Amino acid sequence: MNVDLPAAYWLGLLTSVVLPVLVGLVTTRVTHAGLKAVLLLALSAVTGFVVEYAGPHDAGYSVGTAAVLALVAFASAVLSHFGFWKPVGVSGRAQDSFVKAA
């Protein structure tokens, strides 16, 4: 099976894997988890809509496709946070670096 996705979709997927670290960089450990989740959801939505805008289309821009890409970005970000970034300790170190810099 040959997967042929445009580069914009691959970059969007890579971005969604890094989004939890970005959220960790702009928040602190005492920031409410709900606020972090909303921030991650908002960044995922932006990522999905930007990827759809940047991707090549024959039929034009599709809001439905952008919404699906946003959901995929959010799911990928949550899975990468709990499956990789948090167990390795990157999430905690990102939040600690923000506190030291401030």
Protein backbone atom coordinates (compact mmCIF):
# COMPACT_ATOMS: atom_id res chain seq x y z
CA MET A 1 0.00 0.00 0.00
CA ASN A 2 1.42 3.36 -1.03
CA VAL A 3 0.52 6.43 1.04
CA ASP A 4 0.69 9.63 -0.99
CA LEU A 5 -0.08 12.67 1.15
CA PRO A 6 0.93 16.23 0.32
CA ALA A 7 3.72 17.78 2.38
CA ALA A 8 1.25 20.15 4.09
CA TYR A 9 -0.52 17.21 5.74
CA TRP A 10 2.75 15.68 6.96
CA LEU A 11 3.85 19.03 8.39
CA GLY A 12 0.47 19.38 10.09
CA LEU A 13 0.86 15.97 11.69
CA LEU A 14 4.36 16.81 12.87
CA THR A 15 3.09 20.11 14.27
CA SER A 16 0.32 18.37 16.17
CA VAL A 17 2.86 16.07 17.84
CA VAL A 18 4.86 19.10 19.03
CA LEU A 19 1.83 21.16 20.20
CA PRO A 20 1.83 19.76 23.77
CA VAL A 21 5.39 20.98 24.25
CA LEU A 22 4.37 24.41 22.96
CA VAL A 23 1.49 24.50 25.45
CA GLY A 24 3.94 23.53 28.17
CA LEU A 25 6.25 26.37 27.19
CA VAL A 26 3.56 29.04 27.50
CA THR A 27 1.95 27.75 30.70
CA THR A 28 3.18 26.96 34.19
CA ARG A 29 2.69 23.96 36.44
CA VAL A 30 0.01 25.81 38.43
CA THR A 31 -2.06 26.59 35.33
CA HIS A 32 -5.38 24.75 35.49
CA ALA A 33 -5.44 21.59 33.36
CA GLY A 34 -8.70 22.70 31.76
CA LEU A 35 -7.06 25.89 30.50
CA LYS A 36 -4.20 23.86 29.06
CA ALA A 37 -6.68 21.57 27.31
CA VAL A 38 -8.58 24.52 25.83
CA LEU A 39 -5.32 26.07 24.65
CA LEU A 40 -4.31 22.78 23.06
CA LEU A 41 -7.72 22.50 21.39
CA ALA A 42 -7.47 26.05 20.04
CA LEU A 43 -3.96 25.47 18.67
CA SER A 44 -5.12 22.20 17.12
CA ALA A 45 -8.03 23.97 15.44
CA VAL A 46 -5.70 26.62 14.04
CA THR A 47 -3.35 23.90 12.82
CA GLY A 48 -6.17 22.03 11.09
CA PHE A 49 -7.48 25.10 9.30
CA VAL A 50 -4.01 26.29 8.27
CA VAL A 51 -3.08 22.85 6.94
CA GLU A 52 -6.28 22.72 4.90
CA TYR A 53 -5.61 26.20 3.57
CA ALA A 54 -2.00 25.31 2.66
CA GLY A 55 -2.81 21.94 1.11
CA PRO A 56 -3.33 21.53 -2.61
CA HIS A 57 -7.01 21.34 -3.59
CA ASP A 58 -8.74 20.70 -6.85
CA ALA A 59 -12.20 21.46 -5.50
CA GLY A 60 -11.22 24.41 -3.28
CA TYR A 61 -11.08 25.00 0.47
CA SER A 62 -13.26 22.68 2.54
CA VAL A 63 -14.36 23.66 6.04
CA GLY A 64 -15.39 20.05 6.69
CA THR A 65 -11.94 18.77 5.85
CA ALA A 66 -10.39 21.49 8.00
CA ALA A 67 -12.57 20.43 10.94
CA VAL A 68 -11.54 16.80 10.52
CA LEU A 69 -7.89 17.84 10.34
CA ALA A 70 -8.37 19.86 13.55
CA LEU A 71 -9.81 16.80 15.30
CA VAL A 72 -6.94 14.65 14.06
CA ALA A 73 -4.45 17.27 15.24
CA PHE A 74 -6.06 17.41 18.69
CA ALA A 75 -6.16 13.62 19.01
CA SER A 76 -2.53 13.34 17.89
CA ALA A 77 -1.48 16.03 20.34
CA VAL A 78 -3.25 14.39 23.28
CA LEU A 79 -1.88 10.97 22.40
CA SER A 80 1.66 12.27 21.98
CA HIS A 81 1.42 14.13 25.29
CA PHE A 82 0.28 11.15 27.35
CA GLY A 83 2.12 8.53 25.32
CA PHE A 84 5.47 10.20 24.81
CA TRP A 85 6.11 13.71 26.16
CA LYS A 86 4.80 13.19 29.70
CA PRO A 87 6.46 9.80 30.43
CA VAL A 88 9.80 11.07 29.09
CA GLY A 89 9.50 14.23 31.20
CA VAL A 90 9.64 16.79 28.42
CA SER A 91 6.32 18.37 29.45
CA GLY A 92 7.53 19.09 32.98
CA ARG A 93 10.87 20.43 31.80
CA ALA A 94 9.16 22.75 29.31
CA GLN A 95 7.05 24.25 32.08
CA ASP A 96 10.06 24.55 34.38
CA SER A 97 12.04 26.42 31.72
CA PHE A 98 9.25 29.00 31.41
CA VAL A 99 9.22 29.62 35.15
CA LYS A 100 13.01 30.09 35.26
CA ALA A 101 12.92 32.47 32.29
CA ALA A 102 10.22 34.67 33.82
